[in-house]
Amino acid sequence: MIYCVEDDQNIRDLLVYVLHTGGFEAQGFPDADSFYQGLKEKSPRLILLDIMLPEEDGLSILKKLKNSKSTRDIPVVMLTAKGAEYDKVLGLDGGADDYVTKPFGVMELLSRVRAVLRRTAPTIEKQQITIGKLSLSREQHQVSAAGQEVFLTNKEFELLGYLMENQGIVISRDKLLEKLWGYEHGVETRTVDVHIRSLRQKLGACGELIETVRGVGYRIGGAR
């Protein structure tokens, strides 16, 4: 089920119709109150959320969704007015997974929805990973390097776990930004490099397992 929160009835009906033709179940809501009531009855796979809504706007709703344990993992695609660049930035910074600009094309909307659902689909993660003298336990949220416990920030832990899970595979900066920070492709930032540098320092000699592949990204542990 996909929820569409849009106050314009014509657009709301179009959203529901397009999603139905794309093989999705969909339900529309004109405002925050009716949407919250719908959440109590059923949790959706994805939410299409307009920014300009009466009484409570989409950014406020997004904030509540991401601050609630029961809804924070539901992917959200924001609906923004053409040229509203500031709204797009606020939405992505607030935890939205993507945005669609109105007026939108039918095929573009379905493509964006499918891409977000693929990207946010739950994956089975290994709970215990060991590479050389480096070990990571997701269950205990612990990292050990050469027998010594290493204390990492949550984001450093996620980054190390993702690299170790994909041992031997070169992962681009764009992929890491998309997977761990939710940034769109092409965003210019040194976030990944800063976290990699911090990881290497904290891991000591085991930090050498993290390899830089110039012009591409990072890999850990070499080939499997």
C-alpha atoms as a PDB file:
ATOM      1  CA  MET A   1       0.000   0.000   0.000  1.00  0.00           C
ATOM      2  CA  ILE A   2       1.240   3.482  -0.938  1.00  0.00           C
ATOM      3  CA  TYR A   3      -0.222   6.528   0.801  1.00  0.00           C
ATOM      4  CA  CYS A   4      -0.594   9.777  -1.158  1.00  0.00           C
ATOM      5  CA  VAL A   5      -0.956  12.942   0.925  1.00  0.00           C
ATOM      6  CA  GLU A   6      -2.096  15.724  -1.427  1.00  0.00           C
ATOM      7  CA  ASP A   7      -4.755  18.390  -0.826  1.00  0.00           C
ATOM      8  CA  ASP A   8      -5.571  18.972  -4.506  1.00  0.00           C
ATOM      9  CA  GLN A   9      -8.203  16.344  -5.294  1.00  0.00           C
ATOM     10  CA  ASN A  10      -7.404  16.222  -9.028  1.00  0.00           C
ATOM     11  CA  ILE A  11      -3.724  15.562  -8.373  1.00  0.00           C
ATOM     12  CA  ARG A  12      -4.534  13.132  -5.557  1.00  0.00           C
ATOM     13  CA  ASP A  13      -6.880  11.133  -7.775  1.00  0.00           C
ATOM     14  CA  LEU A  14      -4.251  11.137 -10.540  1.00  0.00           C
ATOM     15  CA  LEU A  15      -1.578   9.845  -8.149  1.00  0.00           C
ATOM     16  CA  VAL A  16      -3.781   6.989  -6.989  1.00  0.00           C
ATOM     17  CA  TYR A  17      -4.773   6.146 -10.570  1.00  0.00           C
ATOM     18  CA  VAL A  18      -1.171   6.134 -11.826  1.00  0.00           C
ATOM     19  CA  LEU A  19      -0.039   3.920  -8.959  1.00  0.00           C
ATOM     20  CA  HIS A  20      -2.906   1.511  -9.595  1.00  0.00           C
ATOM     21  CA  THR A  21      -1.929   1.240 -13.271  1.00  0.00           C
ATOM     22  CA  GLY A  22       1.639   0.546 -12.134  1.00  0.00           C
ATOM     23  CA  GLY A  23       0.467  -2.415 -10.068  1.00  0.00           C
ATOM     24  CA  PHE A  24       0.454  -0.759  -6.633  1.00  0.00           C
ATOM     25  CA  GLU A  25      -2.292  -0.456  -4.065  1.00  0.00           C
ATOM     26  CA  ALA A  26      -2.750   3.208  -3.209  1.00  0.00           C
ATOM     27  CA  GLN A  27      -4.875   5.428  -0.996  1.00  0.00           C
ATOM     28  CA  GLY A  28      -5.160   9.205  -0.967  1.00  0.00           C
ATOM     29  CA  PHE A  29      -5.448  11.648   1.934  1.00  0.00           C
ATOM     30  CA  PRO A  30      -6.244  15.395   1.684  1.00  0.00           C
ATOM     31  CA  ASP A  31      -4.569  16.513   4.917  1.00  0.00           C
ATOM     32  CA  ALA A  32      -2.450  15.548   7.913  1.00  0.00           C
ATOM     33  CA  ASP A  33      -5.347  14.500  10.168  1.00  0.00           C
ATOM     34  CA  SER A  34      -6.788  11.959   7.738  1.00  0.00           C
ATOM     35  CA  PHE A  35      -3.284  10.697   6.961  1.00  0.00           C
ATOM     36  CA  TYR A  36      -2.465  10.132  10.639  1.00  0.00           C
ATOM     37  CA  GLN A  37      -5.724   8.217  11.005  1.00  0.00           C
ATOM     38  CA  GLY A  38      -4.757   6.058   8.046  1.00  0.00           C
ATOM     39  CA  LEU A  39      -1.383   5.309   9.661  1.00  0.00           C
ATOM     40  CA  LYS A  40      -3.157   3.987  12.732  1.00  0.00           C
ATOM     41  CA  GLU A  41      -5.100   1.530  10.596  1.00  0.00           C
ATOM     42  CA  LYS A  42      -2.313   0.343   8.292  1.00  0.00           C
ATOM     43  CA  SER A  43       1.381   1.007   7.730  1.00  0.00           C
ATOM     44  CA  PRO A  44       2.217   1.750   4.063  1.00  0.00           C
ATOM     45  CA  ARG A  45       5.218   0.585   2.021  1.00  0.00           C
ATOM     46  CA  LEU A  46       5.875   4.167   0.878  1.00  0.00           C
ATOM     47  CA  ILE A  47       4.430   7.649   1.319  1.00  0.00           C
ATOM     48  CA  LEU A  48       4.031  10.307  -1.387  1.00  0.00           C
ATOM     49  CA  LEU A  49       3.923  13.543   0.590  1.00  0.00           C
ATOM     50  CA  ASP A  50       3.076  16.988  -0.768  1.00  0.00           C
ATOM     51  CA  ILE A  51       4.898  19.877   0.906  1.00  0.00           C
ATOM     52  CA  MET A  52       2.128  22.477   0.549  1.00  0.00           C
ATOM     53  CA  LEU A  53      -0.739  21.186   2.684  1.00  0.00           C
ATOM     54  CA  PRO A  54      -3.418  22.983   4.727  1.00  0.00           C
ATOM     55  CA  GLU A  55      -2.985  23.344   8.508  1.00  0.00           C
ATOM     56  CA  GLU A  56       0.165  21.169   8.730  1.00  0.00           C
ATOM     57  CA  ASP A  57       2.677  21.164   5.881  1.00  0.00           C
ATOM     58  CA  GLY A  58       4.559  18.179   4.496  1.00  0.00           C
ATOM     59  CA  LEU A  59       7.890  19.068   6.087  1.00  0.00           C
ATOM     60  CA  SER A  60       6.285  19.040   9.536  1.00  0.00           C
ATOM     61  CA  ILE A  61       4.676  15.666   8.796  1.00  0.00           C
ATOM     62  CA  LEU A  62       8.023  14.331   7.529  1.00  0.00           C
ATOM     63  CA  LYS A  63       9.732  15.386  10.753  1.00  0.00           C
ATOM     64  CA  LYS A  64       7.140  13.547  12.854  1.00  0.00           C
ATOM     65  CA  LEU A  65       7.459  10.419  10.706  1.00  0.00           C
ATOM     66  CA  LYS A  66      11.243  10.308  11.024  1.00  0.00           C
ATOM     67  CA  ASN A  67      11.153  10.985  14.769  1.00  0.00           C
ATOM     68  CA  SER A  68       8.785   8.089  15.448  1.00  0.00           C
ATOM     69  CA  LYS A  69      10.176   4.584  15.881  1.00  0.00           C
ATOM     70  CA  SER A  70       7.093   3.050  14.246  1.00  0.00           C
ATOM     71  CA  THR A  71       7.297   5.127  11.038  1.00  0.00           C
ATOM     72  CA  ARG A  72      10.901   6.287  10.613  1.00  0.00           C
ATOM     73  CA  ASP A  73      11.795   3.439   8.249  1.00  0.00           C
ATOM     74  CA  ILE A  74       8.883   4.055   5.849  1.00  0.00           C
ATOM     75  CA  PRO A  75      10.347   5.606   2.675  1.00  0.00           C
ATOM     76  CA  VAL A  76       8.998   9.050   1.809  1.00  0.00           C
ATOM     77  CA  VAL A  77       8.940  10.752  -1.595  1.00  0.00           C
ATOM     78  CA  MET A  78       8.211  14.474  -1.402  1.00  0.00           C
ATOM     79  CA  LEU A  79       6.039  16.248  -3.981  1.00  0.00           C
ATOM     80  CA  THR A  80       7.406  19.727  -4.672  1.00  0.00           C
ATOM     81  CA  ALA A  81       6.433  22.655  -6.873  1.00  0.00           C
ATOM     82  CA  LYS A  82       8.502  23.285  -9.976  1.00  0.00           C
ATOM     83  CA  GLY A  83      11.631  25.277  -9.133  1.00  0.00           C
ATOM     84  CA  ALA A  84      11.192  24.998  -5.354  1.00  0.00           C
ATOM     85  CA  GLU A  85      14.855  24.084  -4.835  1.00  0.00           C
ATOM     86  CA  TYR A  86      14.873  25.154  -1.176  1.00  0.00           C
ATOM     87  CA  ASP A  87      11.952  22.827  -0.396  1.00  0.00           C
ATOM     88  CA  LYS A  88      13.774  19.916  -2.055  1.00  0.00           C
ATOM     89  CA  VAL A  89      16.860  20.511   0.071  1.00  0.00           C
ATOM     90  CA  LEU A  90      14.805  20.777   3.266  1.00  0.00           C
ATOM     91  CA  GLY A  91      12.977  17.561   2.413  1.00  0.00           C
ATOM     92  CA  LEU A  92      16.131  15.556   1.705  1.00  0.00           C
ATOM     93  CA  ASP A  93      17.861  16.944   4.787  1.00  0.00           C
ATOM     94  CA  GLY A  94      14.776  16.000   6.804  1.00  0.00           C
ATOM     95  CA  GLY A  95      15.052  12.354   5.785  1.00  0.00           C
ATOM     96  CA  ALA A  96      13.012  12.139   2.560  1.00  0.00           C
ATOM     97  CA  ASP A  97      14.221   9.434   0.181  1.00  0.00           C
ATOM     98  CA  ASP A  98      13.490  11.332  -3.039  1.00  0.00           C
ATOM     99  CA  TYR A  99      11.300  14.059  -4.498  1.00  0.00           C
ATOM    100  CA  VAL A 100       9.073  14.439  -7.561  1.00  0.00           C
ATOM    101  CA  THR A 101       8.464  17.851  -9.095  1.00  0.00           C
ATOM    102  CA  LYS A 102       4.940  18.851 -10.071  1.00  0.00           C
ATOM    103  CA  PRO A 103       3.729  18.693 -12.780  1.00  0.00           C
ATOM    104  CA  PHE A 104       5.138  15.173 -13.079  1.00  0.00           C
ATOM    105  CA  GLY A 105       5.210  12.597 -15.853  1.00  0.00           C
ATOM    106  CA  VAL A 106       3.460   9.293 -15.256  1.00  0.00           C
ATOM    107  CA  MET A 107       6.489   7.190 -16.177  1.00  0.00           C
ATOM    108  CA  GLU A 108       8.827   9.360 -14.100  1.00  0.00           C
ATOM    109  CA  LEU A 109       6.622   8.995 -11.026  1.00  0.00           C
ATOM    110  CA  LEU A 110       6.444   5.208 -11.307  1.00  0.00           C
ATOM    111  CA  SER A 111      10.182   5.000 -11.964  1.00  0.00           C
ATOM    112  CA  ARG A 112      10.979   7.084  -8.872  1.00  0.00           C
ATOM    113  CA  VAL A 113       8.632   5.046  -6.686  1.00  0.00           C
ATOM    114  CA  ARG A 114      10.096   1.724  -7.860  1.00  0.00           C
ATOM    115  CA  ALA A 115      13.664   3.001  -7.417  1.00  0.00           C
ATOM    116  CA  VAL A 116      13.001   4.106  -3.829  1.00  0.00           C
ATOM    117  CA  LEU A 117      11.315   0.804  -2.980  1.00  0.00           C
ATOM    118  CA  ARG A 118      14.298  -1.134  -4.375  1.00  0.00           C
ATOM    119  CA  ARG A 119      16.776   1.073  -2.547  1.00  0.00           C
ATOM    120  CA  THR A 120      15.000   0.824   0.802  1.00  0.00           C
ATOM    121  CA  ALA A 121      14.065  -2.857   0.644  1.00  0.00           C
ATOM    122  CA  PRO A 122      15.246  -4.680   3.800  1.00  0.00           C
ATOM    123  CA  THR A 123      18.320  -6.831   3.341  1.00  0.00           C
ATOM    124  CA  ILE A 124      19.623  -9.733   5.387  1.00  0.00           C
ATOM    125  CA  GLU A 125      22.783  -8.577   7.119  1.00  0.00           C
ATOM    126  CA  LYS A 126      25.446 -10.763   8.607  1.00  0.00           C
ATOM    127  CA  GLN A 127      25.473 -10.315  12.376  1.00  0.00           C
ATOM    128  CA  GLN A 128      29.139 -11.253  12.836  1.00  0.00           C
ATOM    129  CA  ILE A 129      31.844 -10.410  10.281  1.00  0.00           C
ATOM    130  CA  THR A 130      35.571 -11.053  10.624  1.00  0.00           C
ATOM    131  CA  ILE A 131      38.299 -10.003   8.199  1.00  0.00           C
ATOM    132  CA  GLY A 132      41.836 -10.703   9.360  1.00  0.00           C
ATOM    133  CA  LYS A 133      42.174  -9.254  12.855  1.00  0.00           C
ATOM    134  CA  LEU A 134      39.141  -7.021  12.418  1.00  0.00           C
ATOM    135  CA  SER A 135      35.757  -8.196  13.763  1.00  0.00           C
ATOM    136  CA  LEU A 136      32.349  -6.523  13.827  1.00  0.00           C
ATOM    137  CA  SER A 137      29.265  -7.696  15.723  1.00  0.00           C
ATOM    138  CA  ARG A 138      25.987  -6.039  14.753  1.00  0.00           C
ATOM    139  CA  GLU A 139      24.082  -7.795  17.524  1.00  0.00           C
ATOM    140  CA  GLN A 140      26.396  -6.426  20.230  1.00  0.00           C
ATOM    141  CA  HIS A 141      27.265  -3.268  18.274  1.00  0.00           C
ATOM    142  CA  GLN A 142      30.956  -3.875  18.890  1.00  0.00           C
ATOM    143  CA  VAL A 143      34.120  -3.672  16.822  1.00  0.00           C
ATOM    144  CA  SER A 144      37.397  -5.364  17.690  1.00  0.00           C
ATOM    145  CA  ALA A 145      40.727  -4.594  16.021  1.00  0.00           C
ATOM    146  CA  ALA A 146      43.695  -6.842  16.853  1.00  0.00           C
ATOM    147  CA  GLY A 147      41.890  -7.974  20.010  1.00  0.00           C
ATOM    148  CA  GLN A 148      41.138  -4.442  21.235  1.00  0.00           C
ATOM    149  CA  GLU A 149      37.639  -3.003  21.360  1.00  0.00           C
ATOM    150  CA  VAL A 150      37.221   0.077  19.177  1.00  0.00           C
ATOM    151  CA  PHE A 151      34.582   2.701  19.916  1.00  0.00           C
ATOM    152  CA  LEU A 152      32.907   4.119  16.808  1.00  0.00           C
ATOM    153  CA  THR A 153      30.117   6.577  16.145  1.00  0.00           C
ATOM    154  CA  ASN A 154      26.885   5.106  14.761  1.00  0.00           C
ATOM    155  CA  LYS A 155      27.686   6.310  11.246  1.00  0.00           C
ATOM    156  CA  GLU A 156      31.259   4.985  11.408  1.00  0.00           C
ATOM    157  CA  PHE A 157      29.865   1.626  12.562  1.00  0.00           C
ATOM    158  CA  GLU A 158      27.373   1.551   9.662  1.00  0.00           C
ATOM    159  CA  LEU A 159      30.099   2.476   7.174  1.00  0.00           C
ATOM    160  CA  LEU A 160      32.521  -0.170   8.420  1.00  0.00           C
ATOM    161  CA  GLY A 161      29.775  -2.813   8.496  1.00  0.00           C
ATOM    162  CA  TYR A 162      28.750  -2.028   4.926  1.00  0.00           C
ATOM    163  CA  LEU A 163      32.333  -2.226   3.666  1.00  0.00           C
ATOM    164  CA  MET A 164      32.968  -5.497   5.506  1.00  0.00           C
ATOM    165  CA  GLU A 165      29.679  -6.972   4.263  1.00  0.00           C
ATOM    166  CA  ASN A 166      30.901  -6.261   0.731  1.00  0.00           C
ATOM    167  CA  GLN A 167      34.473  -7.480   1.216  1.00  0.00           C
ATOM    168  CA  GLY A 168      36.560  -7.252  -1.931  1.00  0.00           C
ATOM    169  CA  ILE A 169      34.036  -5.053  -3.771  1.00  0.00           C
ATOM    170  CA  VAL A 170      34.951  -1.488  -4.698  1.00  0.00           C
ATOM    171  CA  ILE A 171      32.139   0.793  -3.516  1.00  0.00           C
ATOM    172  CA  SER A 172      31.901   4.293  -4.977  1.00  0.00           C
ATOM    173  CA  ARG A 173      31.523   7.411  -2.867  1.00  0.00           C
ATOM    174  CA  ASP A 174      28.150   8.059  -4.525  1.00  0.00           C
ATOM    175  CA  LYS A 175      26.927   4.596  -3.532  1.00  0.00           C
ATOM    176  CA  LEU A 176      28.062   5.069   0.068  1.00  0.00           C
ATOM    177  CA  LEU A 177      26.423   8.498   0.239  1.00  0.00           C
ATOM    178  CA  GLU A 178      23.175   7.106  -1.140  1.00  0.00           C
ATOM    179  CA  LYS A 179      23.145   3.992   1.035  1.00  0.00           C
ATOM    180  CA  LEU A 180      24.272   5.455   4.365  1.00  0.00           C
ATOM    181  CA  TRP A 181      23.405   9.142   4.180  1.00  0.00           C
ATOM    182  CA  GLY A 182      20.481   9.166   1.732  1.00  0.00           C
ATOM    183  CA  TYR A 183      22.133  11.701  -0.574  1.00  0.00           C
ATOM    184  CA  GLU A 184      21.276  11.784  -4.248  1.00  0.00           C
ATOM    185  CA  HIS A 185      23.744  10.776  -6.951  1.00  0.00           C
ATOM    186  CA  GLY A 186      26.200  13.538  -7.779  1.00  0.00           C
ATOM    187  CA  VAL A 187      26.092  15.444  -4.475  1.00  0.00           C
ATOM    188  CA  GLU A 188      29.500  17.002  -3.840  1.00  0.00           C
ATOM    189  CA  THR A 189      30.655  16.325  -0.291  1.00  0.00           C
ATOM    190  CA  ARG A 190      33.730  15.111   1.583  1.00  0.00           C
ATOM    191  CA  THR A 191      31.569  13.298   4.153  1.00  0.00           C
ATOM    192  CA  VAL A 192      32.687   9.801   3.120  1.00  0.00           C
ATOM    193  CA  ASP A 193      36.386  10.717   3.043  1.00  0.00           C
ATOM    194  CA  VAL A 194      36.198  12.290   6.497  1.00  0.00           C
ATOM    195  CA  HIS A 195      34.543   9.189   7.978  1.00  0.00           C
ATOM    196  CA  ILE A 196      37.027   6.855   6.259  1.00  0.00           C
ATOM    197  CA  ARG A 197      39.934   8.857   7.648  1.00  0.00           C
ATOM    198  CA  SER A 198      38.455   8.692  11.146  1.00  0.00           C
ATOM    199  CA  LEU A 199      37.857   4.937  10.803  1.00  0.00           C
ATOM    200  CA  ARG A 200      41.446   4.272   9.769  1.00  0.00           C
ATOM    201  CA  GLN A 201      42.770   6.214  12.730  1.00  0.00           C
ATOM    202  CA  LYS A 202      40.556   4.401  15.231  1.00  0.00           C
ATOM    203  CA  LEU A 203      41.297   0.933  13.794  1.00  0.00           C
ATOM    204  CA  GLY A 204      45.063   1.359  14.068  1.00  0.00           C
ATOM    205  CA  ALA A 205      46.961  -1.247  12.037  1.00  0.00           C
ATOM    206  CA  CYS A 206      43.638  -2.788  10.923  1.00  0.00           C
ATOM    207  CA  GLY A 207      42.832   0.510   9.247  1.00  0.00           C
ATOM    208  CA  GLU A 208      45.167  -0.574   6.437  1.00  0.00           C
ATOM    209  CA  LEU A 209      42.471  -3.077   5.407  1.00  0.00           C
ATOM    210  CA  ILE A 210      40.469  -0.135   4.029  1.00  0.00           C
ATOM    211  CA  GLU A 211      41.865   0.499   0.571  1.00  0.00           C
ATOM    212  CA  THR A 212      41.380   3.643  -1.496  1.00  0.00           C
ATOM    213  CA  VAL A 213      40.665   2.963  -5.156  1.00  0.00           C
ATOM    214  CA  ARG A 214      41.672   6.266  -6.723  1.00  0.00           C
ATOM    215  CA  GLY A 215      38.917   8.015  -8.620  1.00  0.00           C
ATOM    216  CA  VAL A 216      36.305   5.432  -7.625  1.00  0.00           C
ATOM    217  CA  GLY A 217      35.849   4.812  -3.912  1.00  0.00           C
ATOM    218  CA  TYR A 218      36.827   2.315  -1.231  1.00  0.00           C
ATOM    219  CA  ARG A 219      37.227  -1.414  -0.682  1.00  0.00           C
ATOM    220  CA  ILE A 220      38.014  -3.451   2.390  1.00  0.00           C
ATOM    221  CA  GLY A 221      40.049  -6.623   2.700  1.00  0.00           C
ATOM    222  CA  GLY A 222      40.895  -7.148  -0.960  1.00  0.00           C
ATOM    223  CA  ALA A 223      39.420 -10.122  -2.792  1.00  0.00           C
ATOM    224  CA  ARG A 224      37.420 -12.733  -0.871  1.00  0.00           C
END
